[in-house]
């Protein structure tokens, strides 16, 4: 049986691939649970420094949740609540994992696929990519967490326009409104994405993790009032690492630093 999510680790970069091209990589209930487990494993894998998400083939990153399951998993409020627990857990883990995350997006990135992409750090789209959250056509709402991520990324006006119109936008418009970081030709997206992933992986892993934690704190508490001692310590934590000693010494020695994540 072919796995619905493939995991491949090469060097310091892990790739998770939504692997249902015959269904445009639509994500099932079991896949949300599997995705969370895989991310927990990658969180604990000291070899991995960067995670890349992509879809099998070039027709879709992920065409949202698999609608064929709605009759089983989302046909009433009680079942929808259970489904949302798995959905939120996977999205929250993608957002919280202490390693940089990149989405390599080709073709359709809609519904739950688009919402998942907003939980990641960097989104790189091919010029054939299309985006939207057209769930008003299905009669179901976006959740609180997904709404918050979209508003933070593209603002409340564009978020509401996408949700209220159920429009699908092309990559150039997604770039204009800040939904993606880059748009590149389809035939160069692999090289572009993995070159960036390697560039990130070669830098200090502890600092990447700290930057992600600080960003989440700033977004949740923009006034920075009542920070905990542990939160305040984040800004100086890297100074006690071997990587900091390696970084500044390499700068003085005019050589490339070699970071070990400790």
Protein backbone atom coordinates (compact mmCIF):
# COMPACT_ATOMS: atom_id res chain seq x y z
CA UNK A 1 0.00 0.00 0.00
CA UNK A 2 1.35 3.42 -0.97
CA UNK A 3 1.73 5.81 1.96
CA UNK A 4 -0.55 8.88 1.73
CA UNK A 5 2.28 11.07 3.05
CA UNK A 6 5.85 10.32 2.03
CA UNK A 7 8.80 11.33 4.17
CA UNK A 8 12.26 11.63 2.66
CA UNK A 9 15.33 12.89 4.49
CA UNK A 10 18.40 13.96 2.56
CA UNK A 11 21.18 15.49 4.60
CA UNK A 12 19.63 18.09 6.88
CA UNK A 13 16.43 18.58 4.86
CA UNK A 14 13.26 16.54 5.30
CA UNK A 15 10.54 16.51 2.66
CA UNK A 16 6.95 15.57 3.46
CA UNK A 17 4.88 14.90 0.33
CA UNK A 18 1.10 14.71 0.21
CA UNK A 19 0.87 11.61 -1.93
CA UNK A 20 -2.59 11.23 -3.44
CA UNK A 21 -2.13 12.70 -6.93
CA UNK A 22 -5.20 10.85 -8.23
CA UNK A 23 -7.24 12.94 -5.74
CA UNK A 24 -5.20 16.11 -6.27
CA UNK A 25 -3.54 15.34 -2.92
CA UNK A 26 -6.74 15.90 -0.97
CA UNK A 27 -6.06 15.32 2.73
CA UNK A 28 -8.01 12.69 4.65
CA UNK A 29 -8.80 12.52 8.35
CA UNK A 30 -6.15 9.83 8.82
CA UNK A 31 -3.62 11.98 6.98
CA UNK A 32 -4.08 14.85 9.44
CA UNK A 33 -3.30 12.43 12.28
CA UNK A 34 -0.34 10.98 10.38
CA UNK A 35 0.99 14.43 9.58
CA UNK A 36 1.04 15.38 13.24
CA UNK A 37 2.92 12.19 14.15
CA UNK A 38 5.49 12.72 11.40
CA UNK A 39 6.11 16.27 12.55
CA UNK A 40 6.61 15.12 16.13
CA UNK A 41 9.20 12.63 14.83
CA UNK A 42 10.96 15.34 12.83
CA UNK A 43 10.93 17.66 15.81
CA UNK A 44 12.99 15.08 17.70
CA UNK A 45 15.31 14.26 14.80
CA UNK A 46 18.54 16.17 15.42
CA UNK A 47 19.72 15.51 11.85
CA UNK A 48 16.83 17.46 10.32
CA UNK A 49 17.12 21.25 10.27
CA UNK A 50 14.52 22.24 7.64
CA UNK A 51 11.20 20.72 6.57
CA UNK A 52 9.79 21.10 3.04
CA UNK A 53 6.13 20.31 2.30
CA UNK A 54 4.94 19.56 -1.22
CA UNK A 55 2.35 17.64 -3.19
CA UNK A 56 2.95 14.67 -5.47
CA UNK A 57 2.98 15.71 -9.12
CA UNK A 58 2.52 19.23 -10.42
CA UNK A 59 -1.27 19.50 -10.47
CA UNK A 60 -1.78 20.20 -6.78
CA UNK A 61 -0.07 20.98 -3.51
CA UNK A 62 -3.25 19.89 -1.76
CA UNK A 63 -6.80 20.41 -2.95
CA UNK A 64 -8.10 20.73 0.59
CA UNK A 65 -9.78 18.15 2.77
CA UNK A 66 -11.13 15.05 1.03
CA UNK A 67 -14.82 15.87 0.54
CA UNK A 68 -15.66 12.21 -0.01
CA UNK A 69 -15.13 11.72 3.74
CA UNK A 70 -17.64 14.34 4.81
CA UNK A 71 -20.43 11.79 5.07
CA UNK A 72 -18.35 9.81 7.55
CA UNK A 73 -16.34 12.35 9.51
CA UNK A 74 -18.12 15.71 9.16
CA UNK A 75 -21.84 15.05 8.69
CA UNK A 76 -22.83 16.69 11.99
CA UNK A 77 -21.41 19.09 14.56
CA UNK A 78 -20.21 16.39 16.96
CA UNK A 79 -18.22 14.57 14.28
CA UNK A 80 -16.95 17.86 12.87
CA UNK A 81 -15.58 18.74 16.32
CA UNK A 82 -13.60 15.47 16.38
CA UNK A 83 -12.36 16.10 12.84
CA UNK A 84 -11.31 19.63 13.77
CA UNK A 85 -9.29 18.30 16.70
CA UNK A 86 -7.11 16.27 14.33
CA UNK A 87 -6.99 19.09 11.78
CA UNK A 88 -5.97 21.69 14.36
CA UNK A 89 -3.38 19.39 15.94
CA UNK A 90 -1.60 18.91 12.61
CA UNK A 91 -1.72 22.62 11.76
CA UNK A 92 -0.59 23.66 15.23
CA UNK A 93 2.32 21.22 15.12
CA UNK A 94 3.40 22.55 11.72
CA UNK A 95 3.35 26.05 13.15
CA UNK A 96 5.10 25.15 16.41
CA UNK A 97 7.73 22.69 15.16
CA UNK A 98 11.09 24.15 16.12
CA UNK A 99 12.51 23.99 12.60
CA UNK A 100 11.98 26.23 9.58
CA UNK A 101 9.19 25.05 7.27
CA UNK A 102 8.86 25.75 3.56
CA UNK A 103 5.95 24.96 1.24
CA UNK A 104 6.79 24.11 -2.36
CA UNK A 105 3.48 24.84 -4.06
CA UNK A 106 2.47 23.74 -7.53
CA UNK A 107 -1.05 23.71 -8.94
CA UNK A 108 -4.05 23.82 -6.62
CA UNK A 109 -3.49 24.98 -3.05
CA UNK A 110 -7.03 25.44 -1.82
CA UNK A 111 -9.21 24.86 1.20
CA UNK A 112 -7.37 22.95 3.89
CA UNK A 113 -4.26 22.91 1.70
CA UNK A 114 -4.15 26.70 1.60
CA UNK A 115 -4.91 26.90 5.32
CA UNK A 116 -2.11 24.46 6.04
CA UNK A 117 0.34 26.55 4.01
CA UNK A 118 -0.40 29.57 6.19
CA UNK A 119 0.85 27.59 9.21
CA UNK A 120 4.31 27.32 7.65
CA UNK A 121 7.15 29.83 7.62
CA UNK A 122 7.78 30.37 3.89
CA UNK A 123 5.59 29.68 0.86
CA UNK A 124 7.14 29.37 -2.60
CA UNK A 125 4.70 29.07 -5.49
CA UNK A 126 5.14 27.93 -9.06
CA UNK A 127 3.58 30.11 -11.71
CA UNK A 128 0.83 27.51 -12.19
CA UNK A 129 -0.27 27.69 -8.55
CA UNK A 130 -3.80 28.67 -7.54
CA UNK A 131 -5.04 29.61 -4.09
CA UNK A 132 -8.30 30.02 -2.22
CA UNK A 133 -10.51 28.84 0.61
CA UNK A 134 -13.82 28.37 -1.23
CA UNK A 135 -15.58 26.59 1.63
CA UNK A 136 -18.65 28.85 1.45
CA UNK A 137 -19.51 26.74 -1.61
CA UNK A 138 -19.66 23.71 0.71
CA UNK A 139 -21.57 25.33 3.55
CA UNK A 140 -18.86 25.03 6.18
CA UNK A 141 -16.89 27.73 8.00
CA UNK A 142 -13.23 28.37 8.53
CA UNK A 143 -12.09 27.73 12.10
CA UNK A 144 -10.70 30.21 14.60
CA UNK A 145 -7.06 29.21 14.20
CA UNK A 146 -7.17 29.23 10.40
CA UNK A 147 -8.89 32.63 10.42
CA UNK A 148 -6.22 34.02 12.72
CA UNK A 149 -3.40 32.74 10.52
CA UNK A 150 -4.94 34.16 7.35
CA UNK A 151 -5.62 37.55 8.92
CA UNK A 152 -2.07 37.78 10.24
CA UNK A 153 -0.68 36.93 6.82
CA UNK A 154 -2.84 38.91 4.40
CA UNK A 155 -5.00 41.17 6.60
CA UNK A 156 -8.66 41.05 7.45
CA UNK A 157 -9.92 42.69 4.25
CA UNK A 158 -8.31 40.20 1.85
CA UNK A 159 -9.15 37.31 4.15
CA UNK A 160 -12.82 38.21 4.10
CA UNK A 161 -12.80 38.79 0.36
CA UNK A 162 -11.40 35.30 -0.26
CA UNK A 163 -13.85 33.71 2.15
CA UNK A 164 -16.96 35.65 1.11
CA UNK A 165 -16.43 35.34 -2.64
CA UNK A 166 -14.94 31.80 -2.60
CA UNK A 167 -12.64 33.07 -5.36
CA UNK A 168 -9.58 31.18 -6.54
CA UNK A 169 -6.62 33.48 -7.20
CA UNK A 170 -3.51 32.87 -9.27
CA UNK A 171 0.04 32.93 -8.02
CA UNK A 172 0.76 36.52 -9.06
CA UNK A 173 -2.18 37.81 -7.01
CA UNK A 174 -1.19 35.60 -4.08
CA UNK A 175 2.24 37.22 -4.19
CA UNK A 176 0.76 40.71 -4.39
CA UNK A 177 -1.35 40.26 -1.26
CA UNK A 178 1.42 38.53 0.70
CA UNK A 179 -0.01 35.03 0.73
CA UNK A 180 3.24 33.67 -0.76
CA UNK A 181 6.84 34.82 -0.52
CA UNK A 182 7.97 34.02 -4.07
CA UNK A 183 6.56 32.99 -7.44
CA UNK A 184 8.94 31.18 -9.78
CA UNK A 185 8.61 29.27 -13.06
CA UNK A 186 7.31 25.74 -12.62
CA UNK A 187 10.45 24.19 -14.09
CA UNK A 188 12.70 25.98 -11.57
CA UNK A 189 10.69 25.67 -8.36
CA UNK A 190 12.49 22.57 -7.07
CA UNK A 191 15.92 24.14 -7.48
CA UNK A 192 14.77 27.45 -6.02
CA UNK A 193 13.10 25.88 -2.99
CA UNK A 194 15.81 23.41 -2.08
CA UNK A 195 18.55 26.00 -2.59
CA UNK A 196 16.75 28.20 -0.06
CA UNK A 197 16.18 25.23 2.25
CA UNK A 198 19.89 24.38 2.20
CA UNK A 199 20.84 28.01 2.81
CA UNK A 200 18.61 28.02 5.89
CA UNK A 201 19.87 24.62 7.04
CA UNK A 202 23.47 25.82 6.95
CA UNK A 203 22.75 28.59 9.47
CA UNK A 204 22.41 28.29 13.24
CA UNK A 205 19.55 25.90 14.15
CA UNK A 206 19.16 27.18 17.70
CA UNK A 207 18.72 30.73 16.42
CA UNK A 208 16.09 29.57 13.91
CA UNK A 209 14.15 27.89 16.71
CA UNK A 210 14.45 30.93 18.97
CA UNK A 211 13.34 33.27 16.19
CA UNK A 212 10.23 31.14 15.62
CA UNK A 213 9.41 31.17 19.33
CA UNK A 214 9.96 34.92 19.63
CA UNK A 215 7.78 35.54 16.57
CA UNK A 216 4.91 33.54 18.06
CA UNK A 217 5.23 35.45 21.34
CA UNK A 218 5.20 38.81 19.52
CA UNK A 219 2.12 37.82 17.54
CA UNK A 220 0.27 36.60 20.63
CA UNK A 221 1.43 39.41 22.90
CA UNK A 222 2.44 42.42 20.77
CA UNK A 223 2.79 44.72 23.79
CA UNK A 224 5.26 42.23 25.32
CA UNK A 225 3.67 42.76 28.70
CA UNK A 226 3.93 40.13 31.44
CA UNK A 227 6.49 37.96 29.66
CA UNK A 228 7.49 34.90 31.63
CA UNK A 229 11.13 34.48 32.74
CA UNK A 230 11.52 31.71 30.16
CA UNK A 231 10.20 33.98 27.41
CA UNK A 232 12.52 36.82 28.40
CA UNK A 233 15.45 34.42 28.41
CA UNK A 234 14.92 33.49 24.76
CA UNK A 235 16.69 36.62 23.52
CA UNK A 236 19.93 35.64 25.27
CA UNK A 237 19.68 31.85 25.25
CA UNK A 238 21.82 31.41 22.08
CA UNK A 239 24.76 33.21 23.71
CA UNK A 240 25.36 30.10 25.83
CA UNK A 241 25.57 27.77 22.81
CA UNK A 242 28.55 26.33 21.00
CA UNK A 243 27.04 27.66 17.79
CA UNK A 244 27.38 31.25 19.00
CA UNK A 245 31.05 30.71 19.78
CA UNK A 246 31.52 29.13 16.37
CA UNK A 247 29.62 31.92 14.61
CA UNK A 248 31.54 34.91 15.88
CA UNK A 249 34.89 33.13 15.75
CA UNK A 250 34.28 32.09 12.14
CA UNK A 251 33.46 35.71 11.30
CA UNK A 252 36.76 36.89 12.76
CA UNK A 253 38.62 34.06 11.03
CA UNK A 254 36.94 34.92 7.71
CA UNK A 255 35.72 31.36 7.22
CA UNK A 256 32.36 29.65 6.84
CA UNK A 257 30.88 28.66 10.21
CA UNK A 258 29.87 25.07 10.88
CA UNK A 259 26.91 24.91 13.22
CA UNK A 260 25.90 21.81 15.15
CA UNK A 261 22.69 22.94 16.82
CA UNK A 262 24.05 23.06 20.33
